[in-house]
Amino acid sequence: MRQTKYIMSEGLAFAEDKDMEKLRRYSLKGWHVSDFKLMGYTLKKGESSDYIYSVDYRSLKEDDEYFDLFSASGWSHVA
């Protein structure tokens, strides 16, 4: 059985909420986002979890203070 798969995005400019809900449904089936590509997402097989995904459009390399703020709030940076 494959451990990774690629799914297409419907376009974050047009359907961000729809994409995020689709990714949540995949996480309930054990497929979790491991990377964001130009037109979609790479998913990795794991245990079923109820993850809620969100997109942040900031262009930051590694701003530790920014990531620490969200980490303290219980969020995890994915890609």
PDB file of N, CA and C in Angstrom:
ATOM      1  N   MET A   1       0.837  -1.178   0.000  1.00  0.00           N
ATOM      2  CA  MET A   1       0.000   0.000   0.000  1.00  0.00           C
ATOM      3  C   MET A   1       0.890   1.253   0.000  1.00  0.00           C
ATOM      4  N   ARG A   2       0.499   2.228  -0.768  1.00  0.00           N
ATOM      5  CA  ARG A   2       1.268   3.475  -0.841  1.00  0.00           C
ATOM      6  C   ARG A   2       1.239   4.212   0.490  1.00  0.00           C
ATOM      7  N   GLN A   3       2.332   4.886   0.798  1.00  0.00           N
ATOM      8  CA  GLN A   3       2.426   5.664   2.035  1.00  0.00           C
ATOM      9  C   GLN A   3       2.313   7.160   1.784  1.00  0.00           C
ATOM     10  N   THR A   4       2.345   7.579   0.509  1.00  0.00           N
ATOM     11  CA  THR A   4       2.152   8.988   0.161  1.00  0.00           C
ATOM     12  C   THR A   4       1.214   9.079  -1.030  1.00  0.00           C
ATOM     13  N   LYS A   5       0.552  10.218  -1.155  1.00  0.00           N
ATOM     14  CA  LYS A   5      -0.284  10.477  -2.321  1.00  0.00           C
ATOM     15  C   LYS A   5      -0.336  11.979  -2.548  1.00  0.00           C
ATOM     16  N   TYR A   6      -0.685  12.361  -3.761  1.00  0.00           N
ATOM     17  CA  TYR A   6      -0.802  13.760  -4.149  1.00  0.00           C
ATOM     18  C   TYR A   6      -2.258  14.040  -4.490  1.00  0.00           C
ATOM     19  N   ILE A   7      -2.797  15.141  -3.968  1.00  0.00           N
ATOM     20  CA  ILE A   7      -4.156  15.535  -4.347  1.00  0.00           C
ATOM     21  C   ILE A   7      -4.113  16.972  -4.860  1.00  0.00           C
ATOM     22  N   MET A   8      -4.962  17.254  -5.809  1.00  0.00           N
ATOM     23  CA  MET A   8      -5.022  18.576  -6.424  1.00  0.00           C
ATOM     24  C   MET A   8      -5.759  19.563  -5.524  1.00  0.00           C
ATOM     25  N   SER A   9      -5.332  20.799  -5.607  1.00  0.00           N
ATOM     26  CA  SER A   9      -6.011  21.893  -4.930  1.00  0.00           C
ATOM     27  C   SER A   9      -7.072  22.445  -5.883  1.00  0.00           C
ATOM     28  N   GLU A  10      -8.147  22.960  -5.341  1.00  0.00           N
ATOM     29  CA  GLU A  10      -9.156  23.603  -6.178  1.00  0.00           C
ATOM     30  C   GLU A  10      -8.836  25.075  -6.378  1.00  0.00           C
ATOM     31  N   GLY A  11      -7.701  25.504  -5.834  1.00  0.00           N
ATOM     32  CA  GLY A  11      -7.267  26.886  -5.984  1.00  0.00           C
ATOM     33  C   GLY A  11      -7.528  27.671  -4.712  1.00  0.00           C
ATOM     34  N   LEU A  12      -6.465  27.990  -3.997  1.00  0.00           N
ATOM     35  CA  LEU A  12      -6.631  28.678  -2.718  1.00  0.00           C
ATOM     36  C   LEU A  12      -7.283  30.050  -2.877  1.00  0.00           C
ATOM     37  N   ALA A  13      -7.084  30.688  -4.014  1.00  0.00           N
ATOM     38  CA  ALA A  13      -7.693  32.005  -4.235  1.00  0.00           C
ATOM     39  C   ALA A  13      -9.213  31.898  -4.363  1.00  0.00           C
ATOM     40  N   PHE A  14      -9.709  30.737  -4.773  1.00  0.00           N
ATOM     41  CA  PHE A  14     -11.137  30.569  -5.025  1.00  0.00           C
ATOM     42  C   PHE A  14     -11.828  29.653  -4.031  1.00  0.00           C
ATOM     43  N   ALA A  15     -11.110  28.685  -3.496  1.00  0.00           N
ATOM     44  CA  ALA A  15     -11.763  27.654  -2.694  1.00  0.00           C
ATOM     45  C   ALA A  15     -10.932  27.249  -1.484  1.00  0.00           C
ATOM     46  N   GLU A  16     -10.349  28.225  -0.778  1.00  0.00           N
ATOM     47  CA  GLU A  16      -9.498  27.904   0.373  1.00  0.00           C
ATOM     48  C   GLU A  16     -10.260  27.100   1.424  1.00  0.00           C
ATOM     49  N   ASP A  17     -11.447  27.550   1.807  1.00  0.00           N
ATOM     50  CA  ASP A  17     -12.225  26.837   2.826  1.00  0.00           C
ATOM     51  C   ASP A  17     -12.565  25.418   2.386  1.00  0.00           C
ATOM     52  N   LYS A  18     -12.896  25.266   1.121  1.00  0.00           N
ATOM     53  CA  LYS A  18     -13.223  23.944   0.583  1.00  0.00           C
ATOM     54  C   LYS A  18     -12.005  23.016   0.641  1.00  0.00           C
ATOM     55  N   ASP A  19     -10.830  23.543   0.267  1.00  0.00           N
ATOM     56  CA  ASP A  19      -9.598  22.759   0.339  1.00  0.00           C
ATOM     57  C   ASP A  19      -9.294  22.348   1.784  1.00  0.00           C
ATOM     58  N   MET A  20      -9.414  23.276   2.721  1.00  0.00           N
ATOM     59  CA  MET A  20      -9.093  22.984   4.118  1.00  0.00           C
ATOM     60  C   MET A  20     -10.039  21.927   4.690  1.00  0.00           C
ATOM     61  N   GLU A  21     -11.294  21.981   4.304  1.00  0.00           N
ATOM     62  CA  GLU A  21     -12.261  20.967   4.759  1.00  0.00           C
ATOM     63  C   GLU A  21     -11.940  19.610   4.133  1.00  0.00           C
ATOM     64  N   LYS A  22     -11.528  19.617   2.859  1.00  0.00           N
ATOM     65  CA  LYS A  22     -11.146  18.362   2.195  1.00  0.00           C
ATOM     66  C   LYS A  22      -9.939  17.743   2.898  1.00  0.00           C
ATOM     67  N   LEU A  23      -8.952  18.577   3.267  1.00  0.00           N
ATOM     68  CA  LEU A  23      -7.776  18.059   3.974  1.00  0.00           C
ATOM     69  C   LEU A  23      -8.151  17.505   5.346  1.00  0.00           C
ATOM     70  N   ARG A  24      -9.118  18.130   5.998  1.00  0.00           N
ATOM     71  CA  ARG A  24      -9.588  17.616   7.290  1.00  0.00           C
ATOM     72  C   ARG A  24     -10.225  16.234   7.122  1.00  0.00           C
ATOM     73  N   ARG A  25     -11.033  16.072   6.083  1.00  0.00           N
ATOM     74  CA  ARG A  25     -11.654  14.757   5.828  1.00  0.00           C
ATOM     75  C   ARG A  25     -10.592  13.691   5.549  1.00  0.00           C
ATOM     76  N   TYR A  26      -9.544  14.076   4.815  1.00  0.00           N
ATOM     77  CA  TYR A  26      -8.450  13.132   4.570  1.00  0.00           C
ATOM     78  C   TYR A  26      -7.764  12.759   5.878  1.00  0.00           C
ATOM     79  N   SER A  27      -7.562  13.717   6.780  1.00  0.00           N
ATOM     80  CA  SER A  27      -6.876  13.412   8.046  1.00  0.00           C
ATOM     81  C   SER A  27      -7.691  12.441   8.888  1.00  0.00           C
ATOM     82  N   LEU A  28      -9.009  12.527   8.787  1.00  0.00           N
ATOM     83  CA  LEU A  28      -9.864  11.579   9.510  1.00  0.00           C
ATOM     84  C   LEU A  28      -9.685  10.160   8.977  1.00  0.00           C
ATOM     85  N   LYS A  29      -9.242  10.045   7.723  1.00  0.00           N
ATOM     86  CA  LYS A  29      -8.970   8.739   7.110  1.00  0.00           C
ATOM     87  C   LYS A  29      -7.506   8.330   7.269  1.00  0.00           C
ATOM     88  N   GLY A  30      -6.707   9.170   7.938  1.00  0.00           N
ATOM     89  CA  GLY A  30      -5.316   8.827   8.183  1.00  0.00           C
ATOM     90  C   GLY A  30      -4.337   9.398   7.166  1.00  0.00           C
ATOM     91  N   TRP A  31      -4.760  10.320   6.316  1.00  0.00           N
ATOM     92  CA  TRP A  31      -3.884  10.956   5.340  1.00  0.00           C
ATOM     93  C   TRP A  31      -3.645  12.396   5.769  1.00  0.00           C
ATOM     94  N   HIS A  32      -2.371  12.748   6.023  1.00  0.00           N
ATOM     95  CA  HIS A  32      -2.036  14.054   6.581  1.00  0.00           C
ATOM     96  C   HIS A  32      -1.107  14.828   5.650  1.00  0.00           C
ATOM     97  N   VAL A  33      -1.289  16.134   5.592  1.00  0.00           N
ATOM     98  CA  VAL A  33      -0.471  16.986   4.737  1.00  0.00           C
ATOM     99  C   VAL A  33       0.984  16.934   5.193  1.00  0.00           C
ATOM    100  N   SER A  34       1.869  16.669   4.238  1.00  0.00           N
ATOM    101  CA  SER A  34       3.303  16.694   4.548  1.00  0.00           C
ATOM    102  C   SER A  34       4.009  17.781   3.746  1.00  0.00           C
ATOM    103  N   ASP A  35       3.383  18.243   2.658  1.00  0.00           N
ATOM    104  CA  ASP A  35       3.997  19.280   1.844  1.00  0.00           C
ATOM    105  C   ASP A  35       2.935  19.956   0.988  1.00  0.00           C
ATOM    106  N   PHE A  36       3.192  21.207   0.642  1.00  0.00           N
ATOM    107  CA  PHE A  36       2.331  21.968  -0.242  1.00  0.00           C
ATOM    108  C   PHE A  36       3.073  22.175  -1.549  1.00  0.00           C
ATOM    109  N   LYS A  37       2.454  21.819  -2.636  1.00  0.00           N
ATOM    110  CA  LYS A  37       3.042  21.998  -3.963  1.00  0.00           C
ATOM    111  C   LYS A  37       2.267  23.081  -4.696  1.00  0.00           C
ATOM    112  N   LEU A  38       2.721  23.431  -5.872  1.00  0.00           N
ATOM    113  CA  LEU A  38       2.132  24.513  -6.644  1.00  0.00           C
ATOM    114  C   LEU A  38       0.613  24.365  -6.819  1.00  0.00           C
ATOM    115  N   MET A  39       0.151  23.206  -7.189  1.00  0.00           N
ATOM    116  CA  MET A  39      -1.277  23.017  -7.460  1.00  0.00           C
ATOM    117  C   MET A  39      -1.927  21.958  -6.580  1.00  0.00           C
ATOM    118  N   GLY A  40      -1.316  21.643  -5.437  1.00  0.00           N
ATOM    119  CA  GLY A  40      -1.923  20.633  -4.592  1.00  0.00           C
ATOM    120  C   GLY A  40      -1.111  20.319  -3.356  1.00  0.00           C
ATOM    121  N   TYR A  41      -1.385  19.156  -2.796  1.00  0.00           N
ATOM    122  CA  TYR A  41      -0.826  18.764  -1.507  1.00  0.00           C
ATOM    123  C   TYR A  41      -0.270  17.348  -1.581  1.00  0.00           C
ATOM    124  N   THR A  42       0.836  17.122  -0.885  1.00  0.00           N
ATOM    125  CA  THR A  42       1.353  15.774  -0.706  1.00  0.00           C
ATOM    126  C   THR A  42       0.867  15.300   0.656  1.00  0.00           C
ATOM    127  N   LEU A  43       0.250  14.130   0.679  1.00  0.00           N
ATOM    128  CA  LEU A  43      -0.276  13.550   1.913  1.00  0.00           C
ATOM    129  C   LEU A  43       0.531  12.314   2.270  1.00  0.00           C
ATOM    130  N   LYS A  44       0.681  12.088   3.567  1.00  0.00           N
ATOM    131  CA  LYS A  44       1.413  10.936   4.077  1.00  0.00           C
ATOM    132  C   LYS A  44       0.467  10.108   4.938  1.00  0.00           C
ATOM    133  N   LYS A  45       0.543   8.793   4.809  1.00  0.00           N
ATOM    134  CA  LYS A  45      -0.322   7.892   5.568  1.00  0.00           C
ATOM    135  C   LYS A  45       0.119   7.843   7.026  1.00  0.00           C
ATOM    136  N   GLY A  46      -0.842   7.886   7.924  1.00  0.00           N
ATOM    137  CA  GLY A  46      -0.574   7.815   9.356  1.00  0.00           C
ATOM    138  C   GLY A  46      -1.838   7.378  10.069  1.00  0.00           C
ATOM    139  N   GLU A  47      -1.898   7.632  11.355  1.00  0.00           N
ATOM    140  CA  GLU A  47      -3.089   7.282  12.123  1.00  0.00           C
ATOM    141  C   GLU A  47      -4.165   8.339  11.925  1.00  0.00           C
ATOM    142  N   SER A  48      -5.392   7.925  11.998  1.00  0.00           N
ATOM    143  CA  SER A  48      -6.515   8.835  11.856  1.00  0.00           C
ATOM    144  C   SER A  48      -6.496   9.893  12.956  1.00  0.00           C
ATOM    145  N   SER A  49      -6.635  11.162  12.564  1.00  0.00           N
ATOM    146  CA  SER A  49      -6.675  12.275  13.511  1.00  0.00           C
ATOM    147  C   SER A  49      -7.613  13.340  12.964  1.00  0.00           C
ATOM    148  N   ASP A  50      -8.159  14.130  13.847  1.00  0.00           N
ATOM    149  CA  ASP A  50      -9.048  15.211  13.428  1.00  0.00           C
ATOM    150  C   ASP A  50      -8.254  16.516  13.402  1.00  0.00           C
ATOM    151  N   TYR A  51      -7.473  16.718  12.323  1.00  0.00           N
ATOM    152  CA  TYR A  51      -6.681  17.932  12.169  1.00  0.00           C
ATOM    153  C   TYR A  51      -7.499  18.999  11.462  1.00  0.00           C
ATOM    154  N   ILE A  52      -7.335  20.215  11.890  1.00  0.00           N
ATOM    155  CA  ILE A  52      -7.950  21.355  11.218  1.00  0.00           C
ATOM    156  C   ILE A  52      -6.814  22.152  10.595  1.00  0.00           C
ATOM    157  N   TYR A  53      -6.832  22.273   9.282  1.00  0.00           N
ATOM    158  CA  TYR A  53      -5.770  22.951   8.554  1.00  0.00           C
ATOM    159  C   TYR A  53      -6.137  24.406   8.289  1.00  0.00           C
ATOM    160  N   SER A  54      -5.111  25.226   8.186  1.00  0.00           N
ATOM    161  CA  SER A  54      -5.287  26.642   7.879  1.00  0.00           C
ATOM    162  C   SER A  54      -4.075  27.104   7.075  1.00  0.00           C
ATOM    163  N   VAL A  55      -4.287  28.088   6.210  1.00  0.00           N
ATOM    164  CA  VAL A  55      -3.216  28.608   5.371  1.00  0.00           C
ATOM    165  C   VAL A  55      -2.795  29.969   5.891  1.00  0.00           C
ATOM    166  N   ASP A  56      -1.486  30.178   5.941  1.00  0.00           N
ATOM    167  CA  ASP A  56      -0.922  31.478   6.293  1.00  0.00           C
ATOM    168  C   ASP A  56      -0.111  31.925   5.084  1.00  0.00           C
ATOM    169  N   TYR A  57      -0.444  33.065   4.524  1.00  0.00           N
ATOM    170  CA  TYR A  57       0.181  33.524   3.290  1.00  0.00           C
ATOM    171  C   TYR A  57       1.465  34.317   3.498  1.00  0.00           C
ATOM    172  N   ARG A  58       1.905  34.456   4.728  1.00  0.00           N
ATOM    173  CA  ARG A  58       3.151  35.195   4.985  1.00  0.00           C
ATOM    174  C   ARG A  58       4.327  34.454   4.366  1.00  0.00           C
ATOM    175  N   SER A  59       5.260  35.198   3.854  1.00  0.00           N
ATOM    176  CA  SER A  59       6.460  34.621   3.272  1.00  0.00           C
ATOM    177  C   SER A  59       7.593  34.752   4.289  1.00  0.00           C
ATOM    178  N   LEU A  60       7.700  33.758   5.153  1.00  0.00           N
ATOM    179  CA  LEU A  60       8.723  33.764   6.196  1.00  0.00           C
ATOM    180  C   LEU A  60       9.632  32.570   6.002  1.00  0.00           C
ATOM    181  N   LYS A  61      10.900  32.795   6.136  1.00  0.00           N
ATOM    182  CA  LYS A  61      11.837  31.673   6.044  1.00  0.00           C
ATOM    183  C   LYS A  61      11.745  30.860   7.334  1.00  0.00           C
ATOM    184  N   GLU A  62      12.343  31.329   8.369  1.00  0.00           N
ATOM    185  CA  GLU A  62      12.285  30.669   9.672  1.00  0.00           C
ATOM    186  C   GLU A  62      12.244  31.736  10.752  1.00  0.00           C
ATOM    187  N   ASP A  63      11.111  32.320  10.963  1.00  0.00           N
ATOM    188  CA  ASP A  63      10.934  33.341  11.992  1.00  0.00           C
ATOM    189  C   ASP A  63      10.530  32.634  13.279  1.00  0.00           C
ATOM    190  N   ASP A  64      11.520  32.335  14.128  1.00  0.00           N
ATOM    191  CA  ASP A  64      11.273  31.556  15.338  1.00  0.00           C
ATOM    192  C   ASP A  64      10.217  32.178  16.238  1.00  0.00           C
ATOM    193  N   GLU A  65      10.237  33.488  16.388  1.00  0.00           N
ATOM    194  CA  GLU A  65       9.258  34.155  17.256  1.00  0.00           C
ATOM    195  C   GLU A  65       7.835  33.948  16.740  1.00  0.00           C
ATOM    196  N   TYR A  66       7.670  34.061  15.442  1.00  0.00           N
ATOM    197  CA  TYR A  66       6.357  33.865  14.823  1.00  0.00           C
ATOM    198  C   TYR A  66       5.864  32.430  15.031  1.00  0.00           C
ATOM    199  N   PHE A  67       6.739  31.445  14.755  1.00  0.00           N
ATOM    200  CA  PHE A  67       6.360  30.047  14.929  1.00  0.00           C
ATOM    201  C   PHE A  67       6.142  29.701  16.402  1.00  0.00           C
ATOM    202  N   ASP A  68       6.922  30.290  17.295  1.00  0.00           N
ATOM    203  CA  ASP A  68       6.747  30.056  18.730  1.00  0.00           C
ATOM    204  C   ASP A  68       5.380  30.532  19.211  1.00  0.00           C
ATOM    205  N   LEU A  69       4.923  31.668  18.695  1.00  0.00           N
ATOM    206  CA  LEU A  69       3.613  32.204  19.056  1.00  0.00           C
ATOM    207  C   LEU A  69       2.512  31.193  18.732  1.00  0.00           C
ATOM    208  N   PHE A  70       2.549  30.652  17.533  1.00  0.00           N
ATOM    209  CA  PHE A  70       1.520  29.689  17.144  1.00  0.00           C
ATOM    210  C   PHE A  70       1.690  28.348  17.847  1.00  0.00           C
ATOM    211  N   SER A  71       2.919  27.948  18.075  1.00  0.00           N
ATOM    212  CA  SER A  71       3.177  26.712  18.799  1.00  0.00           C
ATOM    213  C   SER A  71       2.614  26.783  20.212  1.00  0.00           C
ATOM    214  N   ALA A  72       2.778  27.933  20.852  1.00  0.00           N
ATOM    215  CA  ALA A  72       2.243  28.127  22.207  1.00  0.00           C
ATOM    216  C   ALA A  72       0.719  28.066  22.226  1.00  0.00           C
ATOM    217  N   SER A  73       0.107  28.313  21.071  1.00  0.00           N
ATOM    218  CA  SER A  73      -1.352  28.260  20.953  1.00  0.00           C
ATOM    219  C   SER A  73      -1.852  26.869  20.578  1.00  0.00           C
ATOM    220  N   GLY A  74      -0.909  25.910  20.434  1.00  0.00           N
ATOM    221  CA  GLY A  74      -1.294  24.544  20.127  1.00  0.00           C
ATOM    222  C   GLY A  74      -1.277  24.214  18.633  1.00  0.00           C
ATOM    223  N   TRP A  75      -0.805  25.125  17.810  1.00  0.00           N
ATOM    224  CA  TRP A  75      -0.737  24.889  16.373  1.00  0.00           C
ATOM    225  C   TRP A  75       0.596  24.230  16.022  1.00  0.00           C
ATOM    226  N   SER A  76       0.625  23.514  14.910  1.00  0.00           N
ATOM    227  CA  SER A  76       1.845  22.906  14.398  1.00  0.00           C
ATOM    228  C   SER A  76       2.084  23.384  12.983  1.00  0.00           C
ATOM    229  N   HIS A  77       3.307  23.775  12.678  1.00  0.00           N
ATOM    230  CA  HIS A  77       3.669  24.170  11.309  1.00  0.00           C
ATOM    231  C   HIS A  77       3.858  22.911  10.493  1.00  0.00           C
ATOM    232  N   VAL A  78       3.231  22.851   9.315  1.00  0.00           N
ATOM    233  CA  VAL A  78       3.326  21.656   8.481  1.00  0.00           C
ATOM    234  C   VAL A  78       4.288  21.867   7.323  1.00  0.00           C
ATOM    235  N   ALA A  79       4.029  22.856   6.523  1.00  0.00           N
ATOM    236  CA  ALA A  79       4.873  23.074   5.321  1.00  0.00           C
ATOM    237  C   ALA A  79       4.867  24.536   4.958  1.00  0.00           C
TER     238      ALA A  79
END
